[in-house]
Amino acid sequence: MPRHNTLRNTGNRNRTVAAGFLLPALILLGALVVYPIGYSVQRSFFDSSGSSFVGLDNYLALVTDDSLRTAARNNVIWLVVAPVVATALGLIFAVLTERVRWGTAFKLIVFMPMAISMLAAGIIFRLVYEQDPDRGVANAVWVGVHDTFAESSGFPRARPLPVHPLEAAGGGAFVTKEPVRAGEPVRLPLIGVAPGQMPEEARPARAPDATPGTPDTITGTAWLDFTRGGGGRQNAVDPAELGLAGLRIEAVRDGKVVARATAAADGTFTLPADRADGAVLRLPASNFREQYNGVEWLGPRLVTPAVIGAYVWMWAGFAMVLIGAGLAAVPRELLEAARVDGANEWQVFRRITVPLLAPVLAVVLVTLMINVLKVFDLVFVIAPGSAQDDANVLALQLYRSSFGTDADLGVGSAIAVLLLLLVVPVMVVNIRRMRREARR
């Protein structure tokens, strides 16, 4: 038998064996990928019931429907912000951890979120972004920083009764109905503060002296005119009532503050008569501001950046590991030569390290871009129902259109085809880049 016939038979047999091994994978690929794609394309040209051909109407709905436009806009934000931030953080972490002895431990900590599912991460960050500072970590930190630099209110919602000698002055402040006089004790009763929310230093209020005071001072008492369990008298200091410790008091004459005082633990205060005599006492609005409760992370304005933050927390470790592997292959001789030539660390990083890592950075960036086009779990779990329309993305809208209360499989299939068309160019660019790298 001629040699070329033998080689041909061997080649045919090898191709047959290879096809036999590939056939199960091809059948599985066709059943799980090719057929669903083809069916989705076909279904996108029919109405919600699948019985009437509607042409491009489902695709036009992607442009005209407000929720779909919001989803498309948010996807653009995701596509631009999330991969870039995650890749940048991964690059910074990979470079900096090479300089520290505990870099391996740091990399382990940063990469650990990758072991958590999107669902679990969503539940974690739903709690992190909780509005109540006592439950949400983000607002607990934010409120702590805010209260460090901004004075907080001690008595939010405190107010006088009509029978009290105080009246509203506008802007949340209260003033005495009559000017104060030297030697006449002043009573400043308020209600509206829960006893459990009173300052820790508050003590039982001490009633102002009923006898005329000294002519050079004006004395008084500010207290919570409320007796737990009832039985107290209005406008009178009862034994169980507490002083409004820390309440700020101003003496105002002709629109100008002429004296200031702060109530002691028992509510007592003193003002110099030479300045406060004949003035009205004002309780400034700063006493009654609502407590600062932090930022509404999951409100309409910040819900998308908040969810992107959760995504970056998960995927920055992935970027760091890939970039770190590429960084390990960078020739150290080039870096040392640049330093010998007088380049500082920033110049070495910008002109040597980053250009040499460009192929790896491209891989990470493209991979994350493909990933964010499919993001669904984080948005669905983190965004509350009231803000889910504002955080909507195409993958979530695909689920809502296909399986929601007003399901329209035609529109859902159109969204699926759109996502496929968005992913394909990115994949083609990535494949071409990998082929170029393989030929080098």
Protein backbone atom coordinates (compact mmCIF):
# COMPACT_ATOMS: atom_id res chain seq x y z
CA MET A 1 0.00 0.00 0.00
CA PRO A 2 1.39 3.39 -0.98
CA ARG A 3 2.68 5.50 1.88
CA HIS A 4 0.39 8.45 1.13
CA ASN A 5 -2.70 6.21 1.36
CA THR A 6 -1.56 4.99 4.76
CA LEU A 7 -1.09 8.56 5.97
CA ARG A 8 -4.51 9.54 4.59
CA ASN A 9 -6.21 6.62 6.37
CA THR A 10 -4.42 7.46 9.60
CA GLY A 11 -5.49 11.11 9.32
CA ASN A 12 -9.11 10.13 8.63
CA ARG A 13 -9.11 7.77 11.60
CA ASN A 14 -7.66 10.49 13.86
CA ARG A 15 -10.30 12.96 12.73
CA THR A 16 -13.02 10.38 13.35
CA VAL A 17 -11.72 9.71 16.87
CA ALA A 18 -11.47 13.45 17.57
CA ALA A 19 -15.01 14.00 16.26
CA GLY A 20 -16.26 11.17 18.47
CA PHE A 21 -14.78 12.79 21.55
CA LEU A 22 -16.07 16.24 20.54
CA LEU A 23 -19.58 15.08 19.62
CA PRO A 24 -21.00 14.96 23.19
CA ALA A 25 -19.61 18.42 23.92
CA LEU A 26 -21.01 19.76 20.63
CA ILE A 27 -24.43 18.26 21.36
CA LEU A 28 -24.40 19.78 24.85
CA LEU A 29 -23.21 23.13 23.48
CA GLY A 30 -25.96 23.13 20.88
CA ALA A 31 -28.65 22.23 23.42
CA LEU A 32 -27.56 24.75 26.06
CA VAL A 33 -26.22 27.62 23.94
CA VAL A 34 -27.02 27.52 20.23
CA TYR A 35 -30.67 26.49 20.51
CA PRO A 36 -31.56 29.03 23.27
CA ILE A 37 -29.88 31.81 21.27
CA GLY A 38 -31.76 30.88 18.11
CA TYR A 39 -35.07 30.54 19.93
CA SER A 40 -34.58 33.90 21.70
CA VAL A 41 -33.89 35.64 18.38
CA GLN A 42 -37.02 34.10 16.88
CA ARG A 43 -39.17 34.84 19.97
CA SER A 44 -38.11 38.48 20.00
CA PHE A 45 -40.13 39.08 16.81
CA PHE A 46 -43.41 37.89 18.35
CA ASP A 47 -45.85 39.35 20.86
CA SER A 48 -46.20 38.36 24.53
CA SER A 49 -48.31 35.32 23.69
CA GLY A 50 -45.99 34.20 20.90
CA SER A 51 -48.81 33.90 18.38
CA SER A 52 -48.53 37.17 16.44
CA PHE A 53 -45.52 38.44 14.50
CA VAL A 54 -44.75 42.02 15.54
CA GLY A 55 -41.48 42.63 13.68
CA LEU A 56 -39.21 45.11 15.43
CA ASP A 57 -41.84 46.39 17.88
CA ASN A 58 -40.17 44.66 20.84
CA TYR A 59 -36.85 46.28 19.95
CA LEU A 60 -38.52 49.69 19.61
CA ALA A 61 -39.93 49.20 23.11
CA LEU A 62 -36.36 49.13 24.40
CA VAL A 63 -36.04 52.75 23.29
CA THR A 64 -39.49 54.07 24.20
CA ASP A 65 -40.07 52.43 27.59
CA ASP A 66 -38.82 54.51 30.55
CA SER A 67 -37.72 51.55 32.67
CA LEU A 68 -35.78 50.06 29.76
CA ARG A 69 -34.07 53.38 29.08
CA THR A 70 -33.10 53.61 32.75
CA ALA A 71 -31.72 50.07 32.60
CA ALA A 72 -29.68 50.87 29.50
CA ARG A 73 -28.32 54.09 31.06
CA ASN A 74 -27.34 52.26 34.24
CA ASN A 75 -25.62 49.56 32.19
CA VAL A 76 -23.50 52.23 30.54
CA ILE A 77 -22.54 53.55 33.99
CA TRP A 78 -21.66 50.02 35.10
CA LEU A 79 -19.66 49.39 31.95
CA VAL A 80 -17.60 52.56 32.33
CA VAL A 81 -17.12 52.72 36.11
CA ALA A 82 -17.04 49.22 37.61
CA PRO A 83 -14.34 47.55 35.42
CA VAL A 84 -12.09 50.61 35.49
CA VAL A 85 -12.28 51.04 39.28
CA ALA A 86 -11.84 47.32 39.99
CA THR A 87 -8.87 47.10 37.59
CA ALA A 88 -7.26 50.25 39.00
CA LEU A 89 -7.59 48.98 42.57
CA GLY A 90 -6.26 45.59 41.53
CA LEU A 91 -3.23 47.26 39.94
CA ILE A 92 -2.56 49.40 43.02
CA PHE A 93 -2.91 46.45 45.38
CA ALA A 94 -0.69 44.22 43.23
CA VAL A 95 2.09 46.81 43.04
CA LEU A 96 1.97 47.87 46.69
CA THR A 97 1.81 44.36 48.14
CA GLU A 98 5.15 43.57 46.51
CA ARG A 99 6.75 46.12 48.85
CA VAL A 100 5.45 44.82 52.19
CA ARG A 101 6.32 41.68 54.13
CA TRP A 102 2.68 40.84 54.84
CA GLY A 103 1.65 41.19 51.19
CA THR A 104 0.51 37.56 50.92
CA ALA A 105 -1.86 37.95 53.88
CA PHE A 106 -3.23 41.18 52.39
CA LYS A 107 -3.82 39.50 49.03
CA LEU A 108 -5.66 36.68 50.77
CA ILE A 109 -7.94 39.14 52.54
CA VAL A 110 -8.65 41.12 49.36
CA PHE A 111 -9.28 37.98 47.31
CA MET A 112 -11.50 36.36 49.95
CA PRO A 113 -14.75 38.04 48.74
CA MET A 114 -14.41 36.06 45.50
CA ALA A 115 -15.29 32.96 47.54
CA ILE A 116 -18.66 34.52 48.40
CA SER A 117 -21.60 34.16 46.05
CA MET A 118 -23.26 37.23 44.58
CA LEU A 119 -26.38 36.46 46.61
CA ALA A 120 -24.45 36.33 49.89
CA ALA A 121 -22.54 39.51 49.01
CA GLY A 122 -25.83 41.23 48.23
CA ILE A 123 -27.27 40.30 51.62
CA ILE A 124 -24.09 41.51 53.34
CA PHE A 125 -24.16 44.89 51.62
CA ARG A 126 -27.90 45.27 52.09
CA LEU A 127 -27.09 45.29 55.81
CA VAL A 128 -23.99 47.47 55.34
CA TYR A 129 -26.08 50.13 53.59
CA GLU A 130 -28.92 50.00 56.15
CA GLN A 131 -30.20 53.52 56.88
CA ASP A 132 -30.27 53.07 60.68
CA PRO A 133 -26.75 53.86 62.01
CA ASP A 134 -27.28 51.28 64.76
CA ARG A 135 -27.55 48.55 62.09
CA GLY A 136 -25.79 49.80 58.95
CA VAL A 137 -21.98 49.85 59.11
CA ALA A 138 -21.63 52.51 56.39
CA ASN A 139 -23.91 54.97 58.16
CA ALA A 140 -22.43 54.14 61.58
CA VAL A 141 -19.02 55.23 60.28
CA TRP A 142 -20.45 58.22 58.41
CA VAL A 143 -22.46 59.46 61.40
CA GLY A 144 -19.42 59.00 63.67
CA VAL A 145 -17.27 61.15 61.39
CA HIS A 146 -20.05 63.73 61.01
CA ASP A 147 -20.65 64.04 64.75
CA THR A 148 -16.91 64.46 65.32
CA PHE A 149 -16.87 67.70 63.31
CA ALA A 150 -20.49 68.89 63.64
CA GLU A 151 -22.25 69.55 66.93
CA SER A 152 -25.26 67.29 67.34
CA SER A 153 -28.62 68.23 68.79
CA GLY A 154 -29.41 67.12 72.30
CA PHE A 155 -33.20 67.44 72.24
CA PRO A 156 -34.73 66.75 68.84
CA ARG A 157 -38.53 67.28 68.71
CA ALA A 158 -38.59 69.02 72.11
CA ARG A 159 -41.23 71.76 72.25
CA PRO A 160 -43.26 73.84 74.73
CA LEU A 161 -46.96 73.52 75.49
CA PRO A 162 -49.28 76.50 74.93
CA VAL A 163 -49.45 77.01 78.71
CA HIS A 164 -45.68 77.26 78.96
CA PRO A 165 -43.95 80.67 79.00
CA LEU A 166 -42.34 79.92 75.61
CA GLU A 167 -43.47 80.39 72.03
CA ALA A 168 -42.13 79.56 68.58
CA ALA A 169 -39.80 82.16 67.08
CA GLY A 170 -39.37 80.72 63.59
CA GLY A 171 -36.60 78.55 62.22
CA GLY A 172 -37.13 75.96 64.96
CA ALA A 173 -36.18 78.25 67.87
CA PHE A 174 -38.32 79.21 70.90
CA VAL A 175 -38.36 82.47 72.91
CA THR A 176 -39.89 83.56 76.20
CA LYS A 177 -43.21 85.33 75.88
CA GLU A 178 -42.07 88.09 78.26
CA PRO A 179 -38.67 89.74 78.85
CA VAL A 180 -36.76 88.49 81.87
CA ARG A 181 -35.94 90.65 84.86
CA ALA A 182 -33.13 90.57 87.38
CA GLY A 183 -34.14 88.86 90.61
CA GLU A 184 -37.08 87.02 88.98
CA PRO A 185 -36.48 83.26 88.47
CA VAL A 186 -37.10 82.01 84.94
CA ARG A 187 -38.88 78.77 84.10
CA LEU A 188 -38.18 77.08 80.74
CA PRO A 189 -40.24 73.87 80.61
CA LEU A 190 -40.35 71.65 77.51
CA ILE A 191 -41.94 68.36 76.52
CA GLY A 192 -41.39 65.93 73.65
CA VAL A 193 -38.21 64.20 74.84
CA ALA A 194 -38.48 60.55 75.81
CA PRO A 195 -36.98 60.00 79.27
CA GLY A 196 -34.77 57.27 77.81
CA GLN A 197 -33.28 59.80 75.35
CA MET A 198 -32.32 62.36 77.96
CA PRO A 199 -28.56 63.08 78.34
CA GLU A 200 -26.77 60.65 80.65
CA GLU A 201 -25.62 63.50 82.87
CA ALA A 202 -29.19 64.77 83.45
CA ARG A 203 -30.22 64.92 87.11
CA PRO A 204 -33.53 65.71 88.84
CA ALA A 205 -34.39 69.30 88.07
CA ARG A 206 -33.94 71.90 90.80
CA ALA A 207 -36.78 74.40 90.97
CA PRO A 208 -35.81 78.05 90.65
CA ASP A 209 -35.81 79.95 93.91
CA ALA A 210 -39.26 81.38 94.58
CA THR A 211 -37.78 84.34 96.46
CA PRO A 212 -36.26 87.24 94.56
CA GLY A 213 -32.73 86.44 93.43
CA THR A 214 -29.68 88.59 93.63
CA PRO A 215 -29.97 91.80 91.58
CA ASP A 216 -26.83 91.11 89.54
CA THR A 217 -27.90 87.75 88.06
CA ILE A 218 -30.81 86.15 86.30
CA THR A 219 -31.34 82.53 87.31
CA GLY A 220 -33.66 79.91 86.00
CA THR A 221 -34.32 76.24 85.32
CA ALA A 222 -34.87 74.38 82.04
CA TRP A 223 -36.45 70.98 82.56
CA LEU A 224 -38.52 68.25 80.96
CA ASP A 225 -42.06 69.00 82.15
CA PHE A 226 -43.15 65.37 82.07
CA THR A 227 -43.55 62.84 84.86
CA ARG A 228 -43.34 59.21 83.83
CA GLY A 229 -46.58 57.48 84.78
CA GLY A 230 -48.48 60.77 84.97
CA GLY A 231 -49.48 62.84 87.95
CA GLY A 232 -47.14 65.77 87.39
CA ARG A 233 -48.12 69.46 87.37
CA GLN A 234 -47.64 71.65 84.34
CA ASN A 235 -45.24 74.57 84.68
CA ALA A 236 -43.99 73.20 87.99
CA VAL A 237 -40.85 71.20 88.71
CA ASP A 238 -41.88 67.81 90.10
CA PRO A 239 -39.41 65.56 91.95
CA ALA A 240 -39.22 62.94 89.19
CA GLU A 241 -38.62 65.41 86.35
CA LEU A 242 -35.14 65.84 84.90
CA GLY A 243 -33.18 68.93 84.00
CA LEU A 244 -32.39 69.58 80.34
CA ALA A 245 -28.64 69.24 80.80
CA GLY A 246 -26.67 70.96 78.04
CA LEU A 247 -29.58 73.06 76.72
CA ARG A 248 -28.18 76.23 75.15
CA ILE A 249 -29.85 79.50 76.16
CA GLU A 250 -29.35 82.96 74.64
CA ALA A 251 -30.41 86.38 75.88
CA VAL A 252 -31.52 88.48 72.89
CA ARG A 253 -32.08 92.24 72.81
CA ASP A 254 -32.86 94.16 69.60
CA GLY A 255 -32.10 91.08 67.53
CA LYS A 256 -28.60 90.66 69.00
CA VAL A 257 -27.37 87.98 71.39
CA VAL A 258 -26.12 89.76 74.50
CA ALA A 259 -25.46 86.76 76.77
CA ARG A 260 -25.30 82.96 76.63
CA ALA A 261 -25.64 80.14 79.13
CA THR A 262 -25.82 76.35 79.19
CA ALA A 263 -28.10 74.45 81.54
CA ALA A 264 -26.36 72.38 84.20
CA ALA A 265 -27.14 68.74 84.95
CA ASP A 266 -30.12 69.79 87.11
CA GLY A 267 -31.31 72.28 84.46
CA THR A 268 -30.26 75.43 86.29
CA PHE A 269 -28.54 78.33 84.50
CA THR A 270 -27.34 81.83 85.29
CA LEU A 271 -27.08 84.98 83.12
CA PRO A 272 -25.47 88.34 84.04
CA ALA A 273 -28.21 90.82 84.79
CA ASP A 274 -26.28 93.82 83.45
CA ARG A 275 -26.57 92.33 79.94
CA ALA A 276 -29.67 90.11 80.06
CA ASP A 277 -32.05 92.30 82.09
CA GLY A 278 -35.02 93.23 79.90
CA ALA A 279 -34.03 90.81 77.14
CA VAL A 280 -35.98 87.79 75.94
CA LEU A 281 -34.47 84.34 76.32
CA ARG A 282 -34.14 82.26 73.19
CA LEU A 283 -33.62 78.54 72.89
CA PRO A 284 -31.78 78.35 69.54
CA ALA A 285 -32.82 75.87 66.88
CA SER A 286 -29.51 74.02 67.28
CA ASN A 287 -31.01 72.49 70.44
CA PHE A 288 -33.78 70.82 68.48
CA ARG A 289 -32.32 69.63 65.19
CA GLU A 290 -33.13 66.08 64.21
CA GLN A 291 -30.28 63.69 64.85
CA TYR A 292 -28.09 63.15 61.80
CA ASN A 293 -28.90 59.68 60.49
CA GLY A 294 -26.32 59.45 57.73
CA VAL A 295 -26.67 59.02 54.00
CA GLU A 296 -29.51 57.27 52.21
CA TRP A 297 -27.21 54.86 50.40
CA LEU A 298 -30.06 52.90 48.87
CA GLY A 299 -32.09 55.92 47.86
CA PRO A 300 -32.78 56.81 44.21
CA ARG A 301 -29.65 58.95 43.82
CA LEU A 302 -26.98 56.69 45.33
CA VAL A 303 -28.29 53.17 44.87
CA THR A 304 -26.35 52.50 41.64
CA PRO A 305 -22.97 53.74 43.02
CA ALA A 306 -23.67 51.76 46.19
CA VAL A 307 -24.23 48.52 44.27
CA ILE A 308 -21.15 49.20 42.13
CA GLY A 309 -19.19 49.57 45.37
CA ALA A 310 -20.29 46.08 46.41
CA TYR A 311 -19.24 44.72 43.00
CA VAL A 312 -15.80 46.34 43.25
CA TRP A 313 -15.38 44.88 46.74
CA MET A 314 -15.88 41.41 45.26
CA TRP A 315 -13.90 41.70 42.02
CA ALA A 316 -10.93 43.89 42.98
CA GLY A 317 -9.30 40.76 44.40
CA PHE A 318 -9.75 38.94 41.09
CA ALA A 319 -8.05 41.83 39.26
CA MET A 320 -5.27 41.95 41.84
CA VAL A 321 -4.42 38.25 41.47
CA LEU A 322 -4.25 38.36 37.65
CA ILE A 323 -2.27 41.59 37.61
CA GLY A 324 0.01 40.24 40.35
CA ALA A 325 0.76 37.19 38.18
CA GLY A 326 1.63 39.47 35.27
CA LEU A 327 3.74 41.66 37.52
CA ALA A 328 5.77 38.63 38.61
CA ALA A 329 6.78 38.11 34.97
CA VAL A 330 8.03 41.69 34.50
CA PRO A 331 11.85 41.69 34.15
CA ARG A 332 13.28 43.25 37.28
CA GLU A 333 16.34 44.36 35.32
CA LEU A 334 14.25 46.94 33.47
CA LEU A 335 12.90 48.38 36.71
CA GLU A 336 16.33 48.55 38.32
CA ALA A 337 17.83 50.11 35.19
CA ALA A 338 15.19 52.83 35.24
CA ARG A 339 15.91 53.56 38.91
CA VAL A 340 19.66 53.70 38.23
CA ASP A 341 18.99 56.20 35.46
CA GLY A 342 17.33 58.48 38.02
CA ALA A 343 13.64 57.67 37.60
CA ASN A 344 11.54 57.97 40.74
CA GLU A 345 8.99 55.33 41.76
CA TRP A 346 6.09 57.12 40.10
CA GLN A 347 7.97 57.38 36.82
CA VAL A 348 8.97 53.70 37.01
CA PHE A 349 5.34 52.76 37.63
CA ARG A 350 3.92 54.98 34.87
CA ARG A 351 6.53 54.47 32.16
CA ILE A 352 7.78 50.92 32.79
CA THR A 353 5.38 48.86 34.92
CA VAL A 354 2.06 49.91 33.39
CA PRO A 355 3.17 49.56 29.71
CA LEU A 356 4.60 46.10 30.40
CA LEU A 357 1.37 45.10 32.14
CA ALA A 358 -0.85 46.46 29.35
CA PRO A 359 -1.77 42.98 27.97
CA VAL A 360 -2.74 41.74 31.44
CA LEU A 361 -4.68 44.92 32.19
CA ALA A 362 -6.56 44.50 28.92
CA VAL A 363 -7.52 40.92 29.82
CA VAL A 364 -8.79 41.97 33.25
CA LEU A 365 -10.66 44.98 31.89
CA VAL A 366 -12.37 43.05 29.09
CA THR A 367 -13.28 40.17 31.42
CA LEU A 368 -14.89 42.57 33.89
CA MET A 369 -16.73 44.40 31.10
CA ILE A 370 -18.30 41.13 29.98
CA ASN A 371 -19.11 40.34 33.60
CA VAL A 372 -20.85 43.62 34.39
CA LEU A 373 -23.11 43.31 31.35
CA LYS A 374 -24.57 40.24 33.05
CA VAL A 375 -24.81 41.64 36.58
CA PHE A 376 -28.15 40.77 38.14
CA ASP A 377 -27.83 39.26 41.61
CA LEU A 378 -26.32 42.26 43.37
CA VAL A 379 -28.87 44.73 42.00
CA PHE A 380 -31.79 42.42 42.71
CA VAL A 381 -30.75 41.75 46.33
CA ILE A 382 -29.26 45.08 47.42
CA ALA A 383 -31.67 47.58 45.85
CA PRO A 384 -34.91 47.83 47.88
CA GLY A 385 -38.23 47.70 46.08
CA SER A 386 -38.65 51.48 46.28
CA ALA A 387 -35.33 52.09 44.47
CA GLN A 388 -35.13 49.06 42.21
CA ASP A 389 -36.43 51.01 39.22
CA ASP A 390 -33.62 53.54 39.72
CA ALA A 391 -30.98 50.78 40.03
CA ASN A 392 -32.39 48.76 37.13
CA VAL A 393 -29.98 47.12 34.65
CA LEU A 394 -30.62 45.14 31.49
CA ALA A 395 -30.12 41.73 33.09
CA LEU A 396 -32.57 42.60 35.86
CA GLN A 397 -35.03 44.04 33.35
CA LEU A 398 -34.70 40.79 31.37
CA TYR A 399 -35.84 38.88 34.45
CA ARG A 400 -38.64 41.32 35.23
CA SER A 401 -39.93 41.37 31.65
CA SER A 402 -39.78 37.59 31.28
CA PHE A 403 -40.99 36.42 34.69
CA GLY A 404 -42.61 39.43 36.39
CA THR A 405 -46.29 40.09 37.00
CA ASP A 406 -46.66 41.65 33.54
CA ALA A 407 -44.45 39.14 31.76
CA ASP A 408 -43.80 39.78 28.07
CA LEU A 409 -41.52 37.11 26.65
CA GLY A 410 -41.20 39.04 23.40
CA VAL A 411 -39.65 42.05 25.14
CA GLY A 412 -37.61 39.76 27.39
CA SER A 413 -36.19 37.95 24.36
CA ALA A 414 -35.36 41.28 22.73
CA ILE A 415 -33.40 42.31 25.83
CA ALA A 416 -31.56 38.97 25.77
CA VAL A 417 -30.60 39.51 22.12
CA LEU A 418 -29.45 43.05 22.92
CA LEU A 419 -27.22 41.75 25.74
CA LEU A 420 -25.77 39.17 23.34
CA LEU A 421 -25.03 41.86 20.77
CA LEU A 422 -23.32 43.96 23.43
CA VAL A 423 -21.16 41.07 24.64
CA VAL A 424 -20.12 39.71 21.21
CA PRO A 425 -17.93 42.69 20.12
CA VAL A 426 -16.07 42.65 23.44
CA MET A 427 -15.49 38.90 23.09
CA VAL A 428 -14.27 39.28 19.49
CA VAL A 429 -11.78 41.95 20.52
CA ASN A 430 -10.57 39.76 23.37
CA ILE A 431 -10.15 36.69 21.11
CA ARG A 432 -8.20 38.68 18.52
CA ARG A 433 -5.95 40.11 21.19
CA MET A 434 -5.24 36.63 22.60
CA ARG A 435 -4.41 35.33 19.12
CA ARG A 436 -1.98 38.19 18.57
CA GLU A 437 -0.33 37.40 21.89
CA ALA A 438 -0.08 33.70 20.95
CA ARG A 439 1.71 34.50 17.67
CA ARG A 440 4.42 36.53 19.39
